[in-house]
């Protein structure tokens, strides 16, 4: 029981940290904005699955999906350094990808994301 409570507290703390980073990033320009003919849920689940691939991202593999208030989804990494907002656009989706830095991990996450379009 104690492990469950501690685990929940750790996740809540990480989500708070990630949430503030994501809010700050959204105030700026996305690293990349993309479009897809696929529905938001299909794109978001694909990105989540791709970002959880340990063979590509090693110990940094992690993808968490949450619904947004606008009917879309946000998929983000553990620390919130990389995330996408998948928003409804007609019958398809608009994908806004945010990265903390322009580095190789950002490019690998973008490549995994691109396979979901």
PDB file of N, CA and C in Angstrom:
ATOM      1  N   UNK A   1       0.823  -1.192   0.000  1.00  0.00           N
ATOM      2  CA  UNK A   1       0.000   0.000   0.000  1.00  0.00           C
ATOM      3  C   UNK A   1       0.869   1.259   0.000  1.00  0.00           C
ATOM      4  N   UNK A   2       1.933   1.242   0.799  1.00  0.00           N
ATOM      5  CA  UNK A   2       2.811   2.409   0.872  1.00  0.00           C
ATOM      6  C   UNK A   2       3.483   2.667  -0.466  1.00  0.00           C
ATOM      7  N   UNK A   3       3.856   1.578  -1.176  1.00  0.00           N
ATOM      8  CA  UNK A   3       4.498   1.728  -2.484  1.00  0.00           C
ATOM      9  C   UNK A   3       3.563   2.382  -3.481  1.00  0.00           C
ATOM     10  N   UNK A   4       2.288   2.044  -3.412  1.00  0.00           N
ATOM     11  CA  UNK A   4       1.299   2.632  -4.321  1.00  0.00           C
ATOM     12  C   UNK A   4       1.162   4.124  -4.055  1.00  0.00           C
ATOM     13  N   UNK A   5       1.083   4.505  -2.795  1.00  0.00           N
ATOM     14  CA  UNK A   5       0.942   5.910  -2.422  1.00  0.00           C
ATOM     15  C   UNK A   5       2.184   6.687  -2.834  1.00  0.00           C
ATOM     16  N   UNK A   6       3.354   6.145  -2.568  1.00  0.00           N
ATOM     17  CA  UNK A   6       4.605   6.809  -2.941  1.00  0.00           C
ATOM     18  C   UNK A   6       4.693   6.941  -4.458  1.00  0.00           C
ATOM     19  N   UNK A   7       4.333   5.888  -5.181  1.00  0.00           N
ATOM     20  CA  UNK A   7       4.347   5.932  -6.639  1.00  0.00           C
ATOM     21  C   UNK A   7       3.413   6.998  -7.180  1.00  0.00           C
ATOM     22  N   UNK A   8       2.244   7.111  -6.585  1.00  0.00           N
ATOM     23  CA  UNK A   8       1.277   8.124  -7.018  1.00  0.00           C
ATOM     24  C   UNK A   8       1.801   9.528  -6.742  1.00  0.00           C
ATOM     25  N   UNK A   9       2.456   9.718  -5.613  1.00  0.00           N
ATOM     26  CA  UNK A   9       3.025  11.028  -5.294  1.00  0.00           C
ATOM     27  C   UNK A   9       4.147  11.404  -6.252  1.00  0.00           C
ATOM     28  N   UNK A  10       4.985  10.446  -6.597  1.00  0.00           N
ATOM     29  CA  UNK A  10       6.076  10.693  -7.546  1.00  0.00           C
ATOM     30  C   UNK A  10       5.507  11.081  -8.904  1.00  0.00           C
ATOM     31  N   UNK A  11       4.513  10.348  -9.381  1.00  0.00           N
ATOM     32  CA  UNK A  11       3.891  10.670 -10.667  1.00  0.00           C
ATOM     33  C   UNK A  11       3.240  12.049 -10.642  1.00  0.00           C
ATOM     34  N   UNK A  12       2.599  12.385  -9.546  1.00  0.00           N
ATOM     35  CA  UNK A  12       1.970  13.699  -9.432  1.00  0.00           C
ATOM     36  C   UNK A  12       3.019  14.810  -9.473  1.00  0.00           C
ATOM     37  N   UNK A  13       4.136  14.599  -8.798  1.00  0.00           N
ATOM     38  CA  UNK A  13       5.215  15.595  -8.813  1.00  0.00           C
ATOM     39  C   UNK A  13       5.793  15.756 -10.213  1.00  0.00           C
ATOM     40  N   UNK A  14       6.022  14.634 -10.901  1.00  0.00           N
ATOM     41  CA  UNK A  14       6.540  14.694 -12.272  1.00  0.00           C
ATOM     42  C   UNK A  14       5.549  15.384 -13.200  1.00  0.00           C
ATOM     43  N   UNK A  15       4.281  15.095 -13.052  1.00  0.00           N
ATOM     44  CA  UNK A  15       3.261  15.713 -13.894  1.00  0.00           C
ATOM     45  C   UNK A  15       3.219  17.213 -13.671  1.00  0.00           C
ATOM     46  N   UNK A  16       3.386  17.643 -12.442  1.00  0.00           N
ATOM     47  CA  UNK A  16       3.401  19.079 -12.150  1.00  0.00           C
ATOM     48  C   UNK A  16       4.572  19.765 -12.813  1.00  0.00           C
ATOM     49  N   UNK A  17       5.740  19.155 -12.733  1.00  0.00           N
ATOM     50  CA  UNK A  17       6.941  19.696 -13.364  1.00  0.00           C
ATOM     51  C   UNK A  17       6.773  19.705 -14.876  1.00  0.00           C
ATOM     52  N   UNK A  18       6.317  18.592 -15.415  1.00  0.00           N
ATOM     53  CA  UNK A  18       6.115  18.497 -16.863  1.00  0.00           C
ATOM     54  C   UNK A  18       5.054  19.488 -17.307  1.00  0.00           C
ATOM     55  N   UNK A  19       4.009  19.646 -16.527  1.00  0.00           N
ATOM     56  CA  UNK A  19       2.930  20.558 -16.889  1.00  0.00           C
ATOM     57  C   UNK A  19       3.393  21.996 -16.999  1.00  0.00           C
ATOM     58  N   UNK A  20       4.257  22.439 -16.088  1.00  0.00           N
ATOM     59  CA  UNK A  20       4.742  23.822 -16.154  1.00  0.00           C
ATOM     60  C   UNK A  20       5.675  24.012 -17.352  1.00  0.00           C
ATOM     61  N   UNK A  21       6.502  23.015 -17.654  1.00  0.00           N
ATOM     62  CA  UNK A  21       7.358  23.088 -18.844  1.00  0.00           C
ATOM     63  C   UNK A  21       6.520  23.160 -20.106  1.00  0.00           C
ATOM     64  N   UNK A  22       5.472  22.369 -20.141  1.00  0.00           N
ATOM     65  CA  UNK A  22       4.618  22.320 -21.325  1.00  0.00           C
ATOM     66  C   UNK A  22       3.868  23.641 -21.491  1.00  0.00           C
ATOM     67  N   UNK A  23       3.423  24.225 -20.405  1.00  0.00           N
ATOM     68  CA  UNK A  23       2.722  25.508 -20.478  1.00  0.00           C
ATOM     69  C   UNK A  23       3.654  26.588 -21.023  1.00  0.00           C
ATOM     70  N   UNK A  24       4.880  26.601 -20.546  1.00  0.00           N
ATOM     71  CA  UNK A  24       5.862  27.572 -21.033  1.00  0.00           C
ATOM     72  C   UNK A  24       6.154  27.361 -22.512  1.00  0.00           C
ATOM     73  N   UNK A  25       6.308  26.102 -22.921  1.00  0.00           N
ATOM     74  CA  UNK A  25       6.607  25.804 -24.322  1.00  0.00           C
ATOM     75  C   UNK A  25       5.460  26.236 -25.229  1.00  0.00           C
ATOM     76  N   UNK A  26       4.235  26.031 -24.801  1.00  0.00           N
ATOM     77  CA  UNK A  26       3.071  26.407 -25.609  1.00  0.00           C
ATOM     78  C   UNK A  26       2.971  27.916 -25.813  1.00  0.00           C
ATOM     79  N   UNK A  27       3.586  28.688 -24.924  1.00  0.00           N
ATOM     80  CA  UNK A  27       3.584  30.146 -25.071  1.00  0.00           C
ATOM     81  C   UNK A  27       4.470  30.581 -26.246  1.00  0.00           C
ATOM     82  N   UNK A  28       5.352  29.679 -26.676  1.00  0.00           N
ATOM     83  CA  UNK A  28       6.236  29.969 -27.805  1.00  0.00           C
ATOM     84  C   UNK A  28       5.776  29.260 -29.064  1.00  0.00           C
ATOM     85  N   UNK A  29       6.701  29.092 -29.978  1.00  0.00           N
ATOM     86  CA  UNK A  29       6.434  28.445 -31.258  1.00  0.00           C
ATOM     87  C   UNK A  29       6.779  26.965 -31.176  1.00  0.00           C
ATOM     88  N   UNK A  30       5.928  26.096 -31.742  1.00  0.00           N
ATOM     89  CA  UNK A  30       6.258  24.665 -31.755  1.00  0.00           C
ATOM     90  C   UNK A  30       7.551  24.401 -32.538  1.00  0.00           C
ATOM     91  N   UNK A  31       8.235  23.347 -32.169  1.00  0.00           N
ATOM     92  CA  UNK A  31       9.425  22.890 -32.900  1.00  0.00           C
ATOM     93  C   UNK A  31       9.039  22.563 -34.337  1.00  0.00           C
ATOM     94  N   UNK A  32       7.866  21.959 -34.498  1.00  0.00           N
ATOM     95  CA  UNK A  32       7.365  21.581 -35.820  1.00  0.00           C
ATOM     96  C   UNK A  32       5.849  21.455 -35.737  1.00  0.00           C
ATOM     97  N   UNK A  33       5.157  21.924 -36.775  1.00  0.00           N
ATOM     98  CA  UNK A  33       3.717  21.736 -36.886  1.00  0.00           C
ATOM     99  C   UNK A  33       3.456  20.865 -38.105  1.00  0.00           C
ATOM    100  N   UNK A  34       2.678  19.812 -37.908  1.00  0.00           N
ATOM    101  CA  UNK A  34       2.411  18.835 -38.960  1.00  0.00           C
ATOM    102  C   UNK A  34       0.911  18.634 -39.112  1.00  0.00           C
ATOM    103  N   UNK A  35       0.526  17.977 -40.198  1.00  0.00           N
ATOM    104  CA  UNK A  35      -0.884  17.681 -40.439  1.00  0.00           C
ATOM    105  C   UNK A  35      -1.036  16.210 -40.792  1.00  0.00           C
ATOM    106  N   UNK A  36      -2.206  15.674 -40.484  1.00  0.00           N
ATOM    107  CA  UNK A  36      -2.506  14.289 -40.803  1.00  0.00           C
ATOM    108  C   UNK A  36      -3.970  14.175 -41.207  1.00  0.00           C
ATOM    109  N   UNK A  37      -4.244  13.219 -42.074  1.00  0.00           N
ATOM    110  CA  UNK A  37      -5.626  12.915 -42.446  1.00  0.00           C
ATOM    111  C   UNK A  37      -6.266  11.979 -41.428  1.00  0.00           C
ATOM    112  N   UNK A  38      -5.473  11.482 -40.479  1.00  0.00           N
ATOM    113  CA  UNK A  38      -5.971  10.525 -39.483  1.00  0.00           C
ATOM    114  C   UNK A  38      -6.631  11.251 -38.313  1.00  0.00           C
ATOM    115  N   UNK A  39      -7.514  10.545 -37.629  1.00  0.00           N
ATOM    116  CA  UNK A  39      -8.196  11.078 -36.444  1.00  0.00           C
ATOM    117  C   UNK A  39      -7.211  11.308 -35.305  1.00  0.00           C
ATOM    118  N   UNK A  40      -7.551  12.225 -34.411  1.00  0.00           N
ATOM    119  CA  UNK A  40      -6.657  12.587 -33.312  1.00  0.00           C
ATOM    120  C   UNK A  40      -6.265  11.390 -32.445  1.00  0.00           C
ATOM    121  N   UNK A  41      -7.217  10.546 -32.097  1.00  0.00           N
ATOM    122  CA  UNK A  41      -6.925   9.401 -31.234  1.00  0.00           C
ATOM    123  C   UNK A  41      -5.953   8.437 -31.918  1.00  0.00           C
ATOM    124  N   UNK A  42      -6.120   8.215 -33.196  1.00  0.00           N
ATOM    125  CA  UNK A  42      -5.242   7.298 -33.933  1.00  0.00           C
ATOM    126  C   UNK A  42      -3.808   7.833 -33.926  1.00  0.00           C
ATOM    127  N   UNK A  43      -3.646   9.122 -34.198  1.00  0.00           N
ATOM    128  CA  UNK A  43      -2.309   9.728 -34.214  1.00  0.00           C
ATOM    129  C   UNK A  43      -1.706   9.708 -32.815  1.00  0.00           C
ATOM    130  N   UNK A  44      -2.483  10.115 -31.812  1.00  0.00           N
ATOM    131  CA  UNK A  44      -1.972  10.186 -30.440  1.00  0.00           C
ATOM    132  C   UNK A  44      -1.529   8.817 -29.925  1.00  0.00           C
ATOM    133  N   UNK A  45      -2.323   7.784 -30.178  1.00  0.00           N
ATOM    134  CA  UNK A  45      -1.944   6.441 -29.719  1.00  0.00           C
ATOM    135  C   UNK A  45      -0.709   5.934 -30.450  1.00  0.00           C
ATOM    136  N   UNK A  46      -0.580   6.251 -31.716  1.00  0.00           N
ATOM    137  CA  UNK A  46       0.600   5.850 -32.478  1.00  0.00           C
ATOM    138  C   UNK A  46       1.853   6.521 -31.918  1.00  0.00           C
ATOM    139  N   UNK A  47       1.773   7.821 -31.654  1.00  0.00           N
ATOM    140  CA  UNK A  47       2.914   8.548 -31.090  1.00  0.00           C
ATOM    141  C   UNK A  47       3.273   7.979 -29.723  1.00  0.00           C
ATOM    142  N   UNK A  48       2.272   7.754 -28.894  1.00  0.00           N
ATOM    143  CA  UNK A  48       2.510   7.203 -27.560  1.00  0.00           C
ATOM    144  C   UNK A  48       3.245   5.869 -27.661  1.00  0.00           C
ATOM    145  N   UNK A  49       2.754   4.989 -28.504  1.00  0.00           N
ATOM    146  CA  UNK A  49       3.376   3.679 -28.679  1.00  0.00           C
ATOM    147  C   UNK A  49       4.804   3.824 -29.211  1.00  0.00           C
ATOM    148  N   UNK A  50       4.993   4.682 -30.199  1.00  0.00           N
ATOM    149  CA  UNK A  50       6.328   4.875 -30.785  1.00  0.00           C
ATOM    150  C   UNK A  50       7.335   5.422 -29.788  1.00  0.00           C
ATOM    151  N   UNK A  51       6.903   6.355 -28.957  1.00  0.00           N
ATOM    152  CA  UNK A  51       7.809   6.960 -27.987  1.00  0.00           C
ATOM    153  C   UNK A  51       8.134   6.020 -26.826  1.00  0.00           C
ATOM    154  N   UNK A  52       7.392   4.935 -26.687  1.00  0.00           N
ATOM    155  CA  UNK A  52       7.664   3.957 -25.637  1.00  0.00           C
ATOM    156  C   UNK A  52       8.626   2.864 -26.097  1.00  0.00           C
ATOM    157  N   UNK A  53       9.147   2.973 -27.299  1.00  0.00           N
ATOM    158  CA  UNK A  53      10.024   1.951 -27.872  1.00  0.00           C
ATOM    159  C   UNK A  53      11.426   2.045 -27.262  1.00  0.00           C
ATOM    160  N   UNK A  54      11.726   1.140 -26.355  1.00  0.00           N
ATOM    161  CA  UNK A  54      13.019   1.151 -25.669  1.00  0.00           C
ATOM    162  C   UNK A  54      14.182   0.861 -26.607  1.00  0.00           C
ATOM    163  N   UNK A  55      13.940   0.155 -27.706  1.00  0.00           N
ATOM    164  CA  UNK A  55      15.025  -0.124 -28.646  1.00  0.00           C
ATOM    165  C   UNK A  55      15.478   1.149 -29.354  1.00  0.00           C
ATOM    166  N   UNK A  56      14.621   2.158 -29.400  1.00  0.00           N
ATOM    167  CA  UNK A  56      14.967   3.438 -30.021  1.00  0.00           C
ATOM    168  C   UNK A  56      15.405   4.458 -28.979  1.00  0.00           C
ATOM    169  N   UNK A  57      14.660   4.566 -27.873  1.00  0.00           N
ATOM    170  CA  UNK A  57      14.891   5.622 -26.894  1.00  0.00           C
ATOM    171  C   UNK A  57      15.563   5.165 -25.606  1.00  0.00           C
ATOM    172  N   UNK A  58      15.831   3.871 -25.475  1.00  0.00           N
ATOM    173  CA  UNK A  58      16.517   3.359 -24.291  1.00  0.00           C
ATOM    174  C   UNK A  58      15.774   3.701 -23.018  1.00  0.00           C
ATOM    175  N   UNK A  59      16.523   4.129 -22.018  1.00  0.00           N
ATOM    176  CA  UNK A  59      15.916   4.436 -20.725  1.00  0.00           C
ATOM    177  C   UNK A  59      15.036   5.672 -20.783  1.00  0.00           C
ATOM    178  N   UNK A  60      15.173   6.475 -21.840  1.00  0.00           N
ATOM    179  CA  UNK A  60      14.332   7.662 -21.997  1.00  0.00           C
ATOM    180  C   UNK A  60      12.996   7.352 -22.658  1.00  0.00           C
ATOM    181  N   UNK A  61      12.757   6.065 -22.951  1.00  0.00           N
ATOM    182  CA  UNK A  61      11.484   5.693 -23.577  1.00  0.00           C
ATOM    183  C   UNK A  61      10.355   6.002 -22.608  1.00  0.00           C
ATOM    184  N   UNK A  62       9.393   6.686 -23.093  1.00  0.00           N
ATOM    185  CA  UNK A  62       8.239   7.005 -22.264  1.00  0.00           C
ATOM    186  C   UNK A  62       7.268   7.823 -23.074  1.00  0.00           C
ATOM    187  N   UNK A  63       6.038   7.480 -22.991  1.00  0.00           N
ATOM    188  CA  UNK A  63       5.000   8.222 -23.690  1.00  0.00           C
ATOM    189  C   UNK A  63       3.725   8.119 -22.897  1.00  0.00           C
ATOM    190  N   UNK A  64       3.192   9.258 -22.528  1.00  0.00           N
ATOM    191  CA  UNK A  64       1.971   9.310 -21.749  1.00  0.00           C
ATOM    192  C   UNK A  64       0.953  10.130 -22.524  1.00  0.00           C
ATOM    193  N   UNK A  65      -0.290   9.710 -22.522  1.00  0.00           N
ATOM    194  CA  UNK A  65      -1.334  10.368 -23.300  1.00  0.00           C
ATOM    195  C   UNK A  65      -2.430  10.856 -22.377  1.00  0.00           C
ATOM    196  N   UNK A  66      -2.823  12.118 -22.565  1.00  0.00           N
ATOM    197  CA  UNK A  66      -3.929  12.698 -21.808  1.00  0.00           C
ATOM    198  C   UNK A  66      -4.834  13.467 -22.759  1.00  0.00           C
ATOM    199  N   UNK A  67      -6.129  13.437 -22.516  1.00  0.00           N
ATOM    200  CA  UNK A  67      -7.029  14.240 -23.350  1.00  0.00           C
ATOM    201  C   UNK A  67      -6.864  15.724 -23.028  1.00  0.00           C
ATOM    202  N   UNK A  68      -7.069  16.554 -24.037  1.00  0.00           N
ATOM    203  CA  UNK A  68      -7.066  18.000 -23.818  1.00  0.00           C
ATOM    204  C   UNK A  68      -8.507  18.471 -23.729  1.00  0.00           C
ATOM    205  N   UNK A  69      -8.704  19.653 -23.248  1.00  0.00           N
ATOM    206  CA  UNK A  69     -10.051  20.197 -23.146  1.00  0.00           C
ATOM    207  C   UNK A  69     -10.661  20.498 -24.510  1.00  0.00           C
ATOM    208  N   UNK A  70      -9.840  20.556 -25.541  1.00  0.00           N
ATOM    209  CA  UNK A  70     -10.314  20.929 -26.877  1.00  0.00           C
ATOM    210  C   UNK A  70     -10.674  19.710 -27.726  1.00  0.00           C
ATOM    211  N   UNK A  71     -10.769  18.534 -27.128  1.00  0.00           N
ATOM    212  CA  UNK A  71     -11.120  17.338 -27.885  1.00  0.00           C
ATOM    213  C   UNK A  71      -9.944  16.643 -28.531  1.00  0.00           C
ATOM    214  N   UNK A  72      -8.761  17.069 -28.223  1.00  0.00           N
ATOM    215  CA  UNK A  72      -7.557  16.427 -28.752  1.00  0.00           C
ATOM    216  C   UNK A  72      -6.830  15.680 -27.657  1.00  0.00           C
ATOM    217  N   UNK A  73      -5.546  15.457 -27.893  1.00  0.00           N
ATOM    218  CA  UNK A  73      -4.721  14.720 -26.929  1.00  0.00           C
ATOM    219  C   UNK A  73      -3.339  15.347 -26.850  1.00  0.00           C
ATOM    220  N   UNK A  74      -2.718  15.212 -25.692  1.00  0.00           N
ATOM    221  CA  UNK A  74      -1.314  15.561 -25.519  1.00  0.00           C
ATOM    222  C   UNK A  74      -0.573  14.282 -25.199  1.00  0.00           C
ATOM    223  N   UNK A  75       0.519  14.046 -25.919  1.00  0.00           N
ATOM    224  CA  UNK A  75       1.406  12.918 -25.643  1.00  0.00           C
ATOM    225  C   UNK A  75       2.732  13.531 -25.216  1.00  0.00           C
ATOM    226  N   UNK A  76       3.267  13.070 -24.084  1.00  0.00           N
ATOM    227  CA  UNK A  76       4.465  13.693 -23.546  1.00  0.00           C
ATOM    228  C   UNK A  76       5.407  12.663 -22.937  1.00  0.00           C
ATOM    229  N   UNK A  77       6.661  13.061 -22.788  1.00  0.00           N
ATOM    230  CA  UNK A  77       7.673  12.218 -22.153  1.00  0.00           C
ATOM    231  C   UNK A  77       7.648  12.467 -20.646  1.00  0.00           C
ATOM    232  N   UNK A  78       8.371  11.662 -19.919  1.00  0.00           N
ATOM    233  CA  UNK A  78       8.347  11.714 -18.455  1.00  0.00           C
ATOM    234  C   UNK A  78       8.591  13.115 -17.906  1.00  0.00           C
ATOM    235  N   UNK A  79       9.618  13.793 -18.365  1.00  0.00           N
ATOM    236  CA  UNK A  79       9.932  15.117 -17.835  1.00  0.00           C
ATOM    237  C   UNK A  79       9.233  16.239 -18.604  1.00  0.00           C
ATOM    238  N   UNK A  80       8.535  15.901 -19.671  1.00  0.00           N
ATOM    239  CA  UNK A  80       7.844  16.919 -20.454  1.00  0.00           C
ATOM    240  C   UNK A  80       8.748  17.698 -21.394  1.00  0.00           C
ATOM    241  N   UNK A  81       9.971  17.192 -21.617  1.00  0.00           N
ATOM    242  CA  UNK A  81      10.894  17.881 -22.522  1.00  0.00           C
ATOM    243  C   UNK A  81      10.447  17.774 -23.978  1.00  0.00           C
ATOM    244  N   UNK A  82       9.705  16.724 -24.293  1.00  0.00           N
ATOM    245  CA  UNK A  82       9.196  16.497 -25.641  1.00  0.00           C
ATOM    246  C   UNK A  82       7.710  16.170 -25.511  1.00  0.00           C
ATOM    247  N   UNK A  83       6.890  16.864 -26.294  1.00  0.00           N
ATOM    248  CA  UNK A  83       5.468  16.548 -26.268  1.00  0.00           C
ATOM    249  C   UNK A  83       4.803  17.019 -27.549  1.00  0.00           C
ATOM    250  N   UNK A  84       3.656  16.445 -27.822  1.00  0.00           N
ATOM    251  CA  UNK A  84       2.850  16.841 -28.968  1.00  0.00           C
ATOM    252  C   UNK A  84       1.431  17.121 -28.507  1.00  0.00           C
ATOM    253  N   UNK A  85       0.842  18.131 -29.118  1.00  0.00           N
ATOM    254  CA  UNK A  85      -0.578  18.383 -28.978  1.00  0.00           C
ATOM    255  C   UNK A  85      -1.196  17.937 -30.290  1.00  0.00           C
ATOM    256  N   UNK A  86      -2.077  16.964 -30.226  1.00  0.00           N
ATOM    257  CA  UNK A  86      -2.763  16.445 -31.404  1.00  0.00           C
ATOM    258  C   UNK A  86      -4.184  17.007 -31.355  1.00  0.00           C
ATOM    259  N   UNK A  87      -4.474  17.905 -32.286  1.00  0.00           N
ATOM    260  CA  UNK A  87      -5.732  18.636 -32.269  1.00  0.00           C
ATOM    261  C   UNK A  87      -6.574  18.291 -33.486  1.00  0.00           C
ATOM    262  N   UNK A  88      -7.859  18.319 -33.310  1.00  0.00           N
ATOM    263  CA  UNK A  88      -8.782  18.023 -34.399  1.00  0.00           C
ATOM    264  C   UNK A  88      -8.733  19.139 -35.436  1.00  0.00           C
ATOM    265  N   UNK A  89      -8.697  18.742 -36.710  1.00  0.00           N
ATOM    266  CA  UNK A  89      -8.706  19.689 -37.825  1.00  0.00           C
ATOM    267  C   UNK A  89      -9.563  19.090 -38.932  1.00  0.00           C
ATOM    268  N   UNK A  90     -10.846  19.401 -38.924  1.00  0.00           N
ATOM    269  CA  UNK A  90     -11.769  18.792 -39.881  1.00  0.00           C
ATOM    270  C   UNK A  90     -11.879  17.304 -39.598  1.00  0.00           C
ATOM    271  N   UNK A  91     -11.622  16.478 -40.612  1.00  0.00           N
ATOM    272  CA  UNK A  91     -11.650  15.026 -40.408  1.00  0.00           C
ATOM    273  C   UNK A  91     -10.280  14.490 -40.016  1.00  0.00           C
ATOM    274  N   UNK A  92      -9.278  15.355 -40.001  1.00  0.00           N
ATOM    275  CA  UNK A  92      -7.915  14.942 -39.675  1.00  0.00           C
ATOM    276  C   UNK A  92      -7.413  15.586 -38.395  1.00  0.00           C
ATOM    277  N   UNK A  93      -6.094  15.805 -38.359  1.00  0.00           N
ATOM    278  CA  UNK A  93      -5.460  16.324 -37.152  1.00  0.00           C
ATOM    279  C   UNK A  93      -4.371  17.323 -37.496  1.00  0.00           C
ATOM    280  N   UNK A  94      -4.166  18.247 -36.586  1.00  0.00           N
ATOM    281  CA  UNK A  94      -2.997  19.121 -36.599  1.00  0.00           C
ATOM    282  C   UNK A  94      -2.139  18.688 -35.429  1.00  0.00           C
ATOM    283  N   UNK A  95      -0.844  18.520 -35.674  1.00  0.00           N
ATOM    284  CA  UNK A  95       0.062  18.046 -34.646  1.00  0.00           C
ATOM    285  C   UNK A  95       1.101  19.126 -34.388  1.00  0.00           C
ATOM    286  N   UNK A  96       1.161  19.593 -33.153  1.00  0.00           N
ATOM    287  CA  UNK A  96       2.159  20.585 -32.755  1.00  0.00           C
ATOM    288  C   UNK A  96       3.169  19.880 -31.864  1.00  0.00           C
ATOM    289  N   UNK A  97       4.399  19.791 -32.350  1.00  0.00           N
ATOM    290  CA  UNK A  97       5.469  19.096 -31.629  1.00  0.00           C
ATOM    291  C   UNK A  97       6.365  20.123 -30.957  1.00  0.00           C
ATOM    292  N   UNK A  98       6.596  19.930 -29.676  1.00  0.00           N
ATOM    293  CA  UNK A  98       7.440  20.817 -28.888  1.00  0.00           C
ATOM    294  C   UNK A  98       8.642  20.044 -28.361  1.00  0.00           C
ATOM    295  N   UNK A  99       9.815  20.641 -28.445  1.00  0.00           N
ATOM    296  CA  UNK A  99      11.041  20.018 -27.940  1.00  0.00           C
ATOM    297  C   UNK A  99      11.814  21.059 -27.138  1.00  0.00           C
ATOM    298  N   UNK A 100      12.370  20.637 -26.019  1.00  0.00           N
ATOM    299  CA  UNK A 100      13.113  21.541 -25.154  1.00  0.00           C
ATOM    300  C   UNK A 100      14.366  22.079 -25.850  1.00  0.00           C
ATOM    301  N   UNK A 101      14.978  21.261 -26.691  1.00  0.00           N
ATOM    302  CA  UNK A 101      16.192  21.647 -27.406  1.00  0.00           C
ATOM    303  C   UNK A 101      16.151  21.101 -28.823  1.00  0.00           C
ATOM    304  N   UNK A 102      16.930  21.716 -29.699  1.00  0.00           N
ATOM    305  CA  UNK A 102      17.101  21.193 -31.053  1.00  0.00           C
ATOM    306  C   UNK A 102      18.326  20.283 -31.022  1.00  0.00           C
ATOM    307  N   UNK A 103      18.094  19.011 -30.673  1.00  0.00           N
ATOM    308  CA  UNK A 103      19.192  18.061 -30.531  1.00  0.00           C
ATOM    309  C   UNK A 103      18.793  16.716 -31.141  1.00  0.00           C
ATOM    310  N   UNK A 104      19.669  15.736 -31.051  1.00  0.00           N
ATOM    311  CA  UNK A 104      19.386  14.433 -31.651  1.00  0.00           C
ATOM    312  C   UNK A 104      18.172  13.739 -31.024  1.00  0.00           C
ATOM    313  N   UNK A 105      17.995  13.770 -29.702  1.00  0.00           N
ATOM    314  CA  UNK A 105      16.775  13.162 -29.144  1.00  0.00           C
ATOM    315  C   UNK A 105      15.503  13.814 -29.697  1.00  0.00           C
ATOM    316  N   UNK A 106      15.524  15.124 -29.902  1.00  0.00           N
ATOM    317  CA  UNK A 106      14.358  15.811 -30.466  1.00  0.00           C
ATOM    318  C   UNK A 106      14.083  15.329 -31.882  1.00  0.00           C
ATOM    319  N   UNK A 107      15.133  15.150 -32.637  1.00  0.00           N
ATOM    320  CA  UNK A 107      14.988  14.676 -34.015  1.00  0.00           C
ATOM    321  C   UNK A 107      14.502  13.224 -34.065  1.00  0.00           C
ATOM    322  N   UNK A 108      14.975  12.391 -33.139  1.00  0.00           N
ATOM    323  CA  UNK A 108      14.497  10.992 -33.100  1.00  0.00           C
ATOM    324  C   UNK A 108      13.024  10.921 -32.740  1.00  0.00           C
ATOM    325  N   UNK A 109      12.595  11.745 -31.794  1.00  0.00           N
ATOM    326  CA  UNK A 109      11.180  11.769 -31.417  1.00  0.00           C
ATOM    327  C   UNK A 109      10.333  12.284 -32.593  1.00  0.00           C
ATOM    328  N   UNK A 110      10.847  13.282 -33.313  1.00  0.00           N
ATOM    329  CA  UNK A 110      10.142  13.801 -34.476  1.00  0.00           C
ATOM    330  C   UNK A 110      10.029  12.720 -35.557  1.00  0.00           C
ATOM    331  N   UNK A 111      11.090  11.964 -35.761  1.00  0.00           N
ATOM    332  CA  UNK A 111      11.060  10.888 -36.766  1.00  0.00           C
ATOM    333  C   UNK A 111      10.025   9.833 -36.393  1.00  0.00           C
ATOM    334  N   UNK A 112       9.961   9.479 -35.112  1.00  0.00           N
ATOM    335  CA  UNK A 112       8.963   8.496 -34.665  1.00  0.00           C
ATOM    336  C   UNK A 112       7.560   9.065 -34.854  1.00  0.00           C
ATOM    337  N   UNK A 113       7.395  10.334 -34.558  1.00  0.00           N
ATOM    338  CA  UNK A 113       6.106  11.005 -34.737  1.00  0.00           C
ATOM    339  C   UNK A 113       5.694  11.001 -36.205  1.00  0.00           C
ATOM    340  N   UNK A 114       6.633  11.264 -37.093  1.00  0.00           N
ATOM    341  CA  UNK A 114       6.334  11.349 -38.529  1.00  0.00           C
ATOM    342  C   UNK A 114       5.785  10.034 -39.092  1.00  0.00           C
ATOM    343  N   UNK A 115       6.139   8.914 -38.481  1.00  0.00           N
ATOM    344  CA  UNK A 115       5.622   7.640 -38.965  1.00  0.00           C
ATOM    345  C   UNK A 115       4.137   7.475 -38.658  1.00  0.00           C
ATOM    346  N   UNK A 116       3.582   8.338 -37.832  1.00  0.00           N
ATOM    347  CA  UNK A 116       2.187   8.237 -37.417  1.00  0.00           C
ATOM    348  C   UNK A 116       1.237   9.102 -38.237  1.00  0.00           C
ATOM    349  N   UNK A 117       1.792   9.850 -39.165  1.00  0.00           N
ATOM    350  CA  UNK A 117       0.953  10.776 -39.937  1.00  0.00           C
ATOM    351  C   UNK A 117       0.201  10.036 -41.021  1.00  0.00           C
TER     352      UNK A 117
END
